[in-house]
């Protein structure tokens, strides 16, 4: 059985200060996981149904995005399942949340991820036009990156154990096909 594929998807707007934290995190995660064929790392500034193109065909989906609850310090990593998310308040039928996007993909019969984890990074200022994260988020970034990277490696190890793979965690390439001569 082939190893399960994990998509790590960083979301955000790269010109809206802390809203870009998901993009910053996955860029660093990508550098920590080079040549890993079980984990694919992508960035997107898109939202809603446009994300279907990114997430179909993966066994597991890990989303990293900004949240502002006001109940935690900037840099706090919240962990959500899609069922934890409230439905998006629609201003337009084109704006749908992650939960609605996943449900729509399932309703269409698309090959959707079976397991979805959302890392919401508590932010301080997601509304100021700026390409730099706020100081508090910059200070917290190394710890956030370590948290997400560790969680990914754990998820990969769980998947490898489930499929009986003996391949090392950082090099999860599928075994070559053998054909008789």
N, C-alpha and C. Protein backbone atom coordinates (compact mmCIF):
# COMPACT_ATOMS: atom_id res chain seq x y z
N UNK A 1 0.85 -1.18 0.00
CA UNK A 1 0.00 0.00 0.00
C UNK A 1 0.89 1.24 0.00
N UNK A 2 0.56 2.23 -0.80
CA UNK A 2 1.36 3.45 -0.91
C UNK A 2 1.18 4.32 0.33
N UNK A 3 2.21 5.08 0.68
CA UNK A 3 2.10 6.00 1.81
C UNK A 3 0.99 7.03 1.57
N UNK A 4 0.37 7.47 2.63
CA UNK A 4 -0.67 8.48 2.51
C UNK A 4 -0.03 9.83 2.26
N UNK A 5 -0.66 10.61 1.39
CA UNK A 5 -0.16 11.94 1.08
C UNK A 5 -0.81 12.98 1.99
N UNK A 6 0.01 13.87 2.50
CA UNK A 6 -0.43 14.94 3.39
C UNK A 6 -0.21 16.26 2.67
N UNK A 7 -1.24 17.10 2.63
CA UNK A 7 -1.09 18.45 2.11
C UNK A 7 -1.07 19.41 3.28
N UNK A 8 -0.05 20.26 3.31
CA UNK A 8 0.03 21.36 4.26
C UNK A 8 -0.25 22.61 3.45
N UNK A 9 -1.33 23.30 3.79
CA UNK A 9 -1.77 24.46 3.02
C UNK A 9 -1.75 25.70 3.90
N UNK A 10 -0.85 26.61 3.59
CA UNK A 10 -0.77 27.89 4.30
C UNK A 10 -1.64 28.91 3.59
N UNK A 11 -2.51 29.55 4.35
CA UNK A 11 -3.44 30.53 3.79
C UNK A 11 -3.15 31.91 4.34
N UNK A 12 -3.50 32.92 3.56
CA UNK A 12 -3.36 34.29 4.05
C UNK A 12 -3.21 35.29 2.92
N UNK A 13 -3.22 36.52 3.33
CA UNK A 13 -3.04 37.63 2.40
C UNK A 13 -1.67 38.22 2.70
N UNK A 14 -0.76 38.10 1.76
CA UNK A 14 0.63 38.49 2.01
C UNK A 14 0.88 39.99 2.09
N UNK A 15 -0.14 40.80 1.93
CA UNK A 15 0.05 42.24 2.13
C UNK A 15 -0.78 42.77 3.30
N UNK A 16 -1.32 41.88 4.10
CA UNK A 16 -2.12 42.29 5.26
C UNK A 16 -1.45 41.79 6.54
N UNK A 17 -0.36 42.40 6.90
CA UNK A 17 0.42 42.14 8.10
C UNK A 17 0.27 40.73 8.66
N UNK A 18 -0.42 40.54 9.77
CA UNK A 18 -0.48 39.23 10.43
C UNK A 18 -1.37 38.21 9.71
N UNK A 19 -2.21 38.66 8.80
CA UNK A 19 -3.03 37.70 8.05
C UNK A 19 -2.15 36.76 7.23
N UNK A 20 -0.92 37.15 7.00
CA UNK A 20 0.02 36.35 6.20
C UNK A 20 0.74 35.28 7.01
N UNK A 21 0.43 35.12 8.28
CA UNK A 21 1.19 34.21 9.13
C UNK A 21 1.17 32.78 8.59
N UNK A 22 0.07 32.32 8.04
CA UNK A 22 0.01 30.96 7.48
C UNK A 22 1.01 30.78 6.36
N UNK A 23 1.17 31.81 5.54
CA UNK A 23 2.15 31.76 4.44
C UNK A 23 3.57 31.69 4.98
N UNK A 24 3.87 32.53 5.99
CA UNK A 24 5.21 32.54 6.59
C UNK A 24 5.54 31.18 7.22
N UNK A 25 4.58 30.60 7.92
CA UNK A 25 4.81 29.32 8.59
C UNK A 25 5.12 28.22 7.58
N UNK A 26 4.29 28.09 6.54
CA UNK A 26 4.51 26.97 5.61
C UNK A 26 5.78 27.15 4.79
N UNK A 27 6.20 28.38 4.55
CA UNK A 27 7.47 28.58 3.85
C UNK A 27 8.62 27.99 4.66
N UNK A 28 8.59 28.20 5.96
CA UNK A 28 9.64 27.66 6.83
C UNK A 28 9.50 26.14 7.00
N UNK A 29 8.27 25.67 7.10
CA UNK A 29 8.04 24.23 7.20
C UNK A 29 8.58 23.54 5.96
N UNK A 30 8.34 24.12 4.78
CA UNK A 30 8.84 23.56 3.53
C UNK A 30 10.36 23.41 3.57
N UNK A 31 11.06 24.38 4.12
CA UNK A 31 12.52 24.31 4.21
C UNK A 31 12.98 23.22 5.17
N UNK A 32 12.18 22.93 6.19
CA UNK A 32 12.54 21.91 7.17
C UNK A 32 12.24 20.50 6.67
N UNK A 33 11.41 20.38 5.66
CA UNK A 33 11.02 19.06 5.14
C UNK A 33 11.38 18.91 3.67
N UNK A 34 12.63 19.11 3.30
CA UNK A 34 12.98 18.98 1.89
C UNK A 34 12.91 17.53 1.43
N UNK A 35 12.64 17.34 0.16
CA UNK A 35 12.64 16.02 -0.46
C UNK A 35 11.72 15.03 0.25
N UNK A 36 10.60 15.50 0.71
CA UNK A 36 9.65 14.63 1.41
C UNK A 36 8.46 14.39 0.49
N UNK A 37 8.36 13.19 -0.04
CA UNK A 37 7.30 12.93 -1.01
C UNK A 37 5.96 12.58 -0.36
N UNK A 38 5.92 12.45 0.96
CA UNK A 38 4.64 12.19 1.64
C UNK A 38 3.95 13.48 2.06
N UNK A 39 4.71 14.54 2.19
CA UNK A 39 4.15 15.82 2.63
C UNK A 39 4.37 16.85 1.53
N UNK A 40 3.28 17.38 1.03
CA UNK A 40 3.37 18.46 0.04
C UNK A 40 2.96 19.76 0.73
N UNK A 41 3.77 20.79 0.53
CA UNK A 41 3.52 22.08 1.16
C UNK A 41 3.15 23.09 0.08
N UNK A 42 2.02 23.74 0.29
CA UNK A 42 1.55 24.76 -0.67
C UNK A 42 1.13 26.02 0.08
N UNK A 43 1.13 27.13 -0.65
CA UNK A 43 0.63 28.40 -0.15
C UNK A 43 -0.51 28.85 -1.04
N UNK A 44 -1.47 29.57 -0.45
CA UNK A 44 -2.53 30.13 -1.26
C UNK A 44 -3.05 31.42 -0.63
N UNK A 45 -3.30 32.38 -1.49
CA UNK A 45 -3.97 33.61 -1.06
C UNK A 45 -5.45 33.54 -1.41
N UNK A 46 -5.87 32.39 -1.95
CA UNK A 46 -7.27 32.19 -2.32
C UNK A 46 -8.06 31.75 -1.11
N UNK A 47 -9.39 31.71 -1.29
CA UNK A 47 -10.26 31.23 -0.22
C UNK A 47 -11.48 30.58 -0.83
N UNK A 48 -12.28 29.96 0.02
CA UNK A 48 -13.54 29.39 -0.42
C UNK A 48 -13.38 28.25 -1.39
N UNK A 49 -14.26 28.20 -2.37
CA UNK A 49 -14.29 27.09 -3.32
C UNK A 49 -13.03 26.99 -4.17
N UNK A 50 -12.29 28.08 -4.31
CA UNK A 50 -11.03 28.04 -5.07
C UNK A 50 -10.04 27.07 -4.44
N UNK A 51 -10.19 26.77 -3.14
CA UNK A 51 -9.28 25.86 -2.46
C UNK A 51 -9.50 24.40 -2.85
N UNK A 52 -10.66 24.09 -3.44
CA UNK A 52 -10.92 22.72 -3.87
C UNK A 52 -9.83 22.21 -4.80
N UNK A 53 -9.34 23.06 -5.67
CA UNK A 53 -8.28 22.66 -6.60
C UNK A 53 -7.01 22.22 -5.86
N UNK A 54 -6.78 22.81 -4.70
CA UNK A 54 -5.58 22.46 -3.92
C UNK A 54 -5.74 21.17 -3.14
N UNK A 55 -6.92 20.94 -2.55
CA UNK A 55 -7.07 19.89 -1.54
C UNK A 55 -7.52 18.54 -2.07
N UNK A 56 -8.08 18.48 -3.27
CA UNK A 56 -8.56 17.18 -3.76
C UNK A 56 -7.38 16.24 -4.02
N UNK A 57 -7.62 14.97 -3.73
CA UNK A 57 -6.63 13.94 -4.00
C UNK A 57 -5.67 13.66 -2.86
N UNK A 58 -5.79 14.36 -1.74
CA UNK A 58 -4.91 14.12 -0.60
C UNK A 58 -5.65 13.33 0.47
N UNK A 59 -4.91 12.51 1.20
CA UNK A 59 -5.50 11.73 2.30
C UNK A 59 -5.72 12.61 3.53
N UNK A 60 -4.75 13.47 3.81
CA UNK A 60 -4.81 14.34 4.98
C UNK A 60 -4.56 15.77 4.55
N UNK A 61 -5.22 16.69 5.25
CA UNK A 61 -5.08 18.11 4.97
C UNK A 61 -4.77 18.83 6.28
N UNK A 62 -3.70 19.61 6.26
CA UNK A 62 -3.33 20.45 7.39
C UNK A 62 -3.35 21.88 6.89
N UNK A 63 -4.22 22.69 7.46
CA UNK A 63 -4.33 24.10 7.07
C UNK A 63 -3.70 24.95 8.16
N UNK A 64 -2.92 25.95 7.74
CA UNK A 64 -2.34 26.91 8.67
C UNK A 64 -2.84 28.29 8.25
N UNK A 65 -3.53 28.96 9.17
CA UNK A 65 -4.15 30.25 8.84
C UNK A 65 -4.20 31.13 10.07
N UNK A 66 -4.45 32.40 9.85
CA UNK A 66 -4.58 33.37 10.92
C UNK A 66 -5.98 33.32 11.51
N UNK A 67 -6.07 33.50 12.83
CA UNK A 67 -7.35 33.68 13.50
C UNK A 67 -7.18 34.81 14.51
N UNK A 68 -8.27 35.46 14.82
CA UNK A 68 -8.24 36.49 15.85
C UNK A 68 -9.46 36.27 16.75
N UNK A 69 -9.22 35.55 17.84
CA UNK A 69 -10.30 35.27 18.78
C UNK A 69 -10.38 36.33 19.86
N UNK A 70 -9.25 36.97 20.15
CA UNK A 70 -9.19 37.92 21.25
C UNK A 70 -9.09 37.24 22.60
N UNK A 71 -9.09 35.92 22.61
CA UNK A 71 -9.07 35.16 23.86
C UNK A 71 -7.69 34.59 24.18
N UNK A 72 -6.70 34.86 23.33
CA UNK A 72 -5.36 34.31 23.54
C UNK A 72 -4.32 35.31 23.07
N UNK A 73 -3.09 35.10 23.49
CA UNK A 73 -1.99 35.97 23.10
C UNK A 73 -1.60 35.73 21.64
N UNK A 74 -1.17 36.75 20.92
CA UNK A 74 -0.68 36.53 19.55
C UNK A 74 0.43 35.49 19.55
N UNK A 75 0.34 34.58 18.58
CA UNK A 75 1.30 33.50 18.48
C UNK A 75 0.78 32.19 19.05
N UNK A 76 -0.35 32.24 19.77
CA UNK A 76 -0.95 31.01 20.28
C UNK A 76 -1.43 30.16 19.11
N UNK A 77 -1.16 28.86 19.17
CA UNK A 77 -1.59 27.94 18.13
C UNK A 77 -2.86 27.25 18.60
N UNK A 78 -3.96 27.53 17.91
CA UNK A 78 -5.23 26.86 18.17
C UNK A 78 -5.33 25.69 17.19
N UNK A 79 -5.87 24.56 17.65
CA UNK A 79 -6.05 23.41 16.79
C UNK A 79 -7.54 23.16 16.65
N UNK A 80 -8.01 23.14 15.40
CA UNK A 80 -9.43 22.97 15.11
C UNK A 80 -9.64 21.79 14.16
N UNK A 81 -10.80 21.19 14.29
CA UNK A 81 -11.31 20.25 13.28
C UNK A 81 -12.35 21.03 12.49
N UNK A 82 -12.67 20.61 11.27
CA UNK A 82 -13.68 21.34 10.49
C UNK A 82 -15.01 21.49 11.23
N UNK A 83 -15.35 20.52 12.06
CA UNK A 83 -16.62 20.59 12.80
C UNK A 83 -16.60 21.65 13.89
N UNK A 84 -15.40 22.13 14.26
CA UNK A 84 -15.28 23.19 15.26
C UNK A 84 -15.59 24.56 14.69
N UNK A 85 -15.57 24.67 13.37
CA UNK A 85 -15.73 25.97 12.72
C UNK A 85 -17.20 26.32 12.56
N UNK A 86 -17.51 27.55 12.87
CA UNK A 86 -18.87 28.02 12.64
C UNK A 86 -19.03 28.29 11.14
N UNK A 87 -20.24 28.05 10.61
CA UNK A 87 -20.44 28.37 9.19
C UNK A 87 -20.12 29.84 8.92
N UNK A 88 -19.54 30.07 7.75
CA UNK A 88 -19.19 31.43 7.37
C UNK A 88 -20.44 32.29 7.23
N UNK A 89 -20.34 33.51 7.71
CA UNK A 89 -21.43 34.46 7.48
C UNK A 89 -21.26 35.01 6.08
N UNK A 90 -22.16 34.63 5.21
CA UNK A 90 -21.99 34.96 3.81
C UNK A 90 -22.40 36.39 3.50
N UNK A 91 -21.45 37.13 2.98
CA UNK A 91 -21.72 38.45 2.45
C UNK A 91 -22.00 38.29 0.96
N UNK A 92 -21.44 37.24 0.41
CA UNK A 92 -21.58 36.91 -0.99
C UNK A 92 -21.61 35.40 -1.12
N UNK A 93 -22.32 34.86 -2.09
CA UNK A 93 -22.30 33.41 -2.27
C UNK A 93 -20.93 32.89 -2.70
N UNK A 94 -20.04 33.78 -3.07
CA UNK A 94 -18.69 33.38 -3.49
C UNK A 94 -17.76 33.19 -2.31
N UNK A 95 -18.15 33.69 -1.14
CA UNK A 95 -17.32 33.59 0.05
C UNK A 95 -17.82 32.46 0.93
N UNK A 96 -17.11 31.35 0.94
CA UNK A 96 -17.47 30.23 1.80
C UNK A 96 -16.27 29.88 2.65
N UNK A 97 -16.53 29.31 3.82
CA UNK A 97 -15.47 28.92 4.72
C UNK A 97 -14.91 27.55 4.39
N UNK A 98 -13.92 27.15 5.17
CA UNK A 98 -13.26 25.86 4.96
C UNK A 98 -14.25 24.71 5.13
N UNK A 99 -15.07 24.76 6.16
CA UNK A 99 -16.05 23.70 6.38
C UNK A 99 -17.00 23.54 5.22
N UNK A 100 -17.50 24.64 4.71
CA UNK A 100 -18.41 24.59 3.57
C UNK A 100 -17.71 24.09 2.32
N UNK A 101 -16.46 24.50 2.13
CA UNK A 101 -15.69 24.05 0.96
C UNK A 101 -15.51 22.54 1.00
N UNK A 102 -15.18 21.99 2.18
CA UNK A 102 -14.99 20.54 2.31
C UNK A 102 -16.31 19.79 2.07
N UNK A 103 -17.39 20.32 2.63
CA UNK A 103 -18.70 19.68 2.44
C UNK A 103 -19.11 19.71 0.97
N UNK A 104 -18.85 20.81 0.30
CA UNK A 104 -19.18 20.94 -1.11
C UNK A 104 -18.40 19.92 -1.94
N UNK A 105 -17.10 19.78 -1.66
CA UNK A 105 -16.29 18.79 -2.37
C UNK A 105 -16.80 17.39 -2.16
N UNK A 106 -17.19 17.06 -0.93
CA UNK A 106 -17.77 15.74 -0.65
C UNK A 106 -19.07 15.54 -1.40
N UNK A 107 -19.92 16.58 -1.42
CA UNK A 107 -21.21 16.48 -2.11
C UNK A 107 -21.02 16.28 -3.61
N UNK A 108 -19.95 16.82 -4.16
CA UNK A 108 -19.65 16.65 -5.58
C UNK A 108 -19.00 15.30 -5.88
N UNK A 109 -18.68 14.55 -4.84
CA UNK A 109 -18.03 13.26 -5.04
C UNK A 109 -16.55 13.37 -5.33
N UNK A 110 -15.94 14.49 -5.00
CA UNK A 110 -14.50 14.65 -5.22
C UNK A 110 -13.73 13.84 -4.18
N UNK A 111 -12.51 13.51 -4.50
CA UNK A 111 -11.65 12.77 -3.58
C UNK A 111 -11.10 13.75 -2.54
N UNK A 112 -11.83 13.88 -1.44
CA UNK A 112 -11.49 14.85 -0.41
C UNK A 112 -10.65 14.21 0.69
N UNK A 113 -9.86 15.02 1.39
CA UNK A 113 -9.07 14.48 2.51
C UNK A 113 -9.98 13.85 3.56
N UNK A 114 -9.52 12.73 4.11
CA UNK A 114 -10.30 12.03 5.14
C UNK A 114 -10.08 12.66 6.51
N UNK A 115 -8.90 13.21 6.72
CA UNK A 115 -8.58 13.83 8.00
C UNK A 115 -8.13 15.26 7.73
N UNK A 116 -8.72 16.21 8.47
CA UNK A 116 -8.40 17.63 8.30
C UNK A 116 -8.10 18.22 9.67
N UNK A 117 -6.95 18.89 9.76
CA UNK A 117 -6.57 19.60 10.98
C UNK A 117 -6.28 21.05 10.58
N UNK A 118 -6.80 21.97 11.35
CA UNK A 118 -6.59 23.39 11.07
C UNK A 118 -5.83 24.00 12.23
N UNK A 119 -4.67 24.59 11.91
CA UNK A 119 -3.89 25.32 12.90
C UNK A 119 -4.19 26.79 12.70
N UNK A 120 -4.95 27.35 13.64
CA UNK A 120 -5.27 28.77 13.61
C UNK A 120 -4.28 29.50 14.50
N UNK A 121 -3.52 30.38 13.91
CA UNK A 121 -2.51 31.13 14.65
C UNK A 121 -3.13 32.45 15.10
N UNK A 122 -3.19 32.64 16.42
CA UNK A 122 -3.75 33.88 16.97
C UNK A 122 -2.89 35.05 16.52
N UNK A 123 -3.53 36.07 15.94
CA UNK A 123 -2.81 37.22 15.42
C UNK A 123 -3.20 38.49 16.16
N UNK A 124 -2.36 39.48 16.01
CA UNK A 124 -2.57 40.76 16.65
C UNK A 124 -3.21 41.77 15.70
N UNK A 125 -2.70 41.82 14.46
CA UNK A 125 -3.13 42.86 13.52
C UNK A 125 -3.27 42.30 12.10
N UNK A 126 -4.44 41.78 11.75
CA UNK A 126 -4.62 41.25 10.41
C UNK A 126 -5.15 42.27 9.40
N UNK A 127 -5.27 43.53 9.80
CA UNK A 127 -5.93 44.52 8.95
C UNK A 127 -5.02 45.61 8.39
N UNK A 128 -3.83 45.77 8.92
CA UNK A 128 -2.92 46.80 8.44
C UNK A 128 -2.22 46.32 7.17
N UNK A 129 -2.18 47.19 6.17
CA UNK A 129 -1.47 46.86 4.93
C UNK A 129 0.03 46.95 5.23
N UNK A 130 0.69 45.80 5.20
CA UNK A 130 2.12 45.72 5.49
C UNK A 130 2.57 44.31 5.12
N UNK A 131 3.80 44.18 4.68
CA UNK A 131 4.31 42.86 4.30
C UNK A 131 5.08 42.19 5.44
N UNK A 132 5.22 42.86 6.58
CA UNK A 132 5.92 42.31 7.74
C UNK A 132 4.91 41.93 8.81
N UNK A 133 5.17 40.81 9.49
CA UNK A 133 4.35 40.42 10.62
C UNK A 133 4.57 41.39 11.79
N UNK A 134 3.59 41.48 12.67
CA UNK A 134 3.76 42.30 13.87
C UNK A 134 4.92 41.75 14.70
N UNK A 135 5.49 42.58 15.52
CA UNK A 135 6.67 42.20 16.33
C UNK A 135 6.37 40.97 17.19
N UNK A 136 5.21 40.95 17.83
CA UNK A 136 4.86 39.83 18.72
C UNK A 136 4.77 38.51 17.93
N UNK A 137 4.24 38.58 16.72
CA UNK A 137 4.12 37.37 15.91
C UNK A 137 5.49 36.94 15.38
N UNK A 138 6.33 37.91 15.02
CA UNK A 138 7.69 37.58 14.58
C UNK A 138 8.44 36.83 15.68
N UNK A 139 8.27 37.27 16.93
CA UNK A 139 8.95 36.62 18.05
C UNK A 139 8.42 35.20 18.28
N UNK A 140 7.15 35.00 18.04
CA UNK A 140 6.53 33.69 18.27
C UNK A 140 6.73 32.72 17.10
N UNK A 141 7.14 33.23 15.94
CA UNK A 141 7.21 32.42 14.72
C UNK A 141 8.06 31.15 14.85
N UNK A 142 9.27 31.20 15.42
CA UNK A 142 10.06 29.95 15.52
C UNK A 142 9.33 28.85 16.30
N UNK A 143 8.67 29.20 17.37
CA UNK A 143 7.93 28.21 18.17
C UNK A 143 6.73 27.66 17.39
N UNK A 144 6.05 28.52 16.64
CA UNK A 144 4.91 28.10 15.83
C UNK A 144 5.38 27.11 14.76
N UNK A 145 6.47 27.44 14.10
CA UNK A 145 7.02 26.58 13.04
C UNK A 145 7.41 25.22 13.62
N UNK A 146 8.04 25.22 14.78
CA UNK A 146 8.42 23.96 15.43
C UNK A 146 7.18 23.15 15.78
N UNK A 147 6.16 23.79 16.28
CA UNK A 147 4.90 23.10 16.64
C UNK A 147 4.28 22.43 15.42
N UNK A 148 4.15 23.17 14.33
CA UNK A 148 3.53 22.64 13.12
C UNK A 148 4.39 21.54 12.51
N UNK A 149 5.70 21.74 12.45
CA UNK A 149 6.60 20.73 11.89
C UNK A 149 6.53 19.43 12.69
N UNK A 150 6.56 19.54 14.00
CA UNK A 150 6.48 18.34 14.86
C UNK A 150 5.16 17.61 14.65
N UNK A 151 4.08 18.36 14.56
CA UNK A 151 2.76 17.75 14.35
C UNK A 151 2.71 17.03 13.00
N UNK A 152 3.32 17.61 11.99
CA UNK A 152 3.35 16.97 10.66
C UNK A 152 4.14 15.67 10.68
N UNK A 153 5.29 15.69 11.32
CA UNK A 153 6.10 14.48 11.39
C UNK A 153 5.38 13.39 12.18
N UNK A 154 4.65 13.78 13.20
CA UNK A 154 3.86 12.80 13.96
C UNK A 154 2.74 12.22 13.08
N UNK A 155 2.05 13.08 12.34
CA UNK A 155 1.00 12.62 11.44
C UNK A 155 1.56 11.68 10.38
N UNK A 156 2.71 12.03 9.84
CA UNK A 156 3.36 11.18 8.84
C UNK A 156 3.73 9.83 9.43
N UNK A 157 4.25 9.82 10.65
CA UNK A 157 4.62 8.56 11.30
C UNK A 157 3.38 7.70 11.55
N UNK A 158 2.27 8.33 11.95
CA UNK A 158 1.02 7.60 12.15
C UNK A 158 0.55 6.97 10.84
N UNK A 159 0.63 7.73 9.77
CA UNK A 159 0.23 7.21 8.46
C UNK A 159 1.13 6.05 8.03
N UNK A 160 2.43 6.18 8.25
CA UNK A 160 3.37 5.13 7.87
C UNK A 160 3.07 3.86 8.67
N UNK A 161 2.77 4.01 9.95
CA UNK A 161 2.45 2.84 10.78
C UNK A 161 1.15 2.19 10.30
N UNK A 162 0.20 3.00 9.88
CA UNK A 162 -1.08 2.48 9.42
C UNK A 162 -0.94 1.65 8.14
N UNK A 163 -0.03 2.04 7.26
CA UNK A 163 0.14 1.31 6.00
C UNK A 163 1.27 0.30 6.07
N UNK A 164 1.90 0.18 7.26
CA UNK A 164 2.96 -0.82 7.42
C UNK A 164 4.25 -0.46 6.72
N UNK A 165 4.47 0.83 6.51
CA UNK A 165 5.67 1.27 5.80
C UNK A 165 6.88 1.20 6.72
N UNK A 166 8.00 0.76 6.19
CA UNK A 166 9.25 0.76 6.94
C UNK A 166 10.16 1.89 6.49
N UNK A 167 9.61 2.81 5.74
CA UNK A 167 10.43 3.89 5.20
C UNK A 167 10.69 4.94 6.26
N UNK A 168 11.84 5.59 6.23
CA UNK A 168 12.14 6.64 7.20
C UNK A 168 11.14 7.78 7.08
N UNK A 169 10.90 8.46 8.18
CA UNK A 169 9.91 9.51 8.22
C UNK A 169 10.18 10.68 7.27
N UNK A 170 11.44 11.03 7.06
CA UNK A 170 11.71 12.19 6.22
C UNK A 170 11.86 11.85 4.75
N UNK A 171 11.88 10.59 4.41
CA UNK A 171 12.00 10.19 3.01
C UNK A 171 10.94 9.14 2.73
N UNK A 172 9.77 9.58 2.41
CA UNK A 172 8.61 8.70 2.32
C UNK A 172 8.22 8.45 0.88
N UNK A 173 9.19 8.32 0.00
CA UNK A 173 8.89 8.08 -1.41
C UNK A 173 8.27 6.70 -1.59
N UNK A 174 7.29 6.58 -2.47
CA UNK A 174 6.71 5.27 -2.73
C UNK A 174 7.77 4.33 -3.29
N UNK A 175 7.61 3.05 -3.00
CA UNK A 175 8.55 2.06 -3.52
C UNK A 175 8.41 2.00 -5.04
N UNK A 176 9.53 1.76 -5.75
CA UNK A 176 9.45 1.67 -7.21
C UNK A 176 8.61 0.47 -7.61
N UNK A 177 7.96 0.59 -8.76
CA UNK A 177 7.18 -0.53 -9.29
C UNK A 177 8.13 -1.57 -9.86
N UNK A 178 7.87 -2.82 -9.53
CA UNK A 178 8.68 -3.92 -10.05
C UNK A 178 7.84 -4.68 -11.06
N UNK A 179 8.40 -4.90 -12.23
CA UNK A 179 7.69 -5.67 -13.24
C UNK A 179 8.53 -6.88 -13.62
N UNK A 180 7.85 -7.93 -13.94
CA UNK A 180 8.57 -9.12 -14.38
C UNK A 180 8.94 -8.98 -15.85
N UNK A 181 10.14 -9.33 -16.13
CA UNK A 181 10.77 -9.18 -17.29
C UNK A 181 10.59 -9.34 -18.61
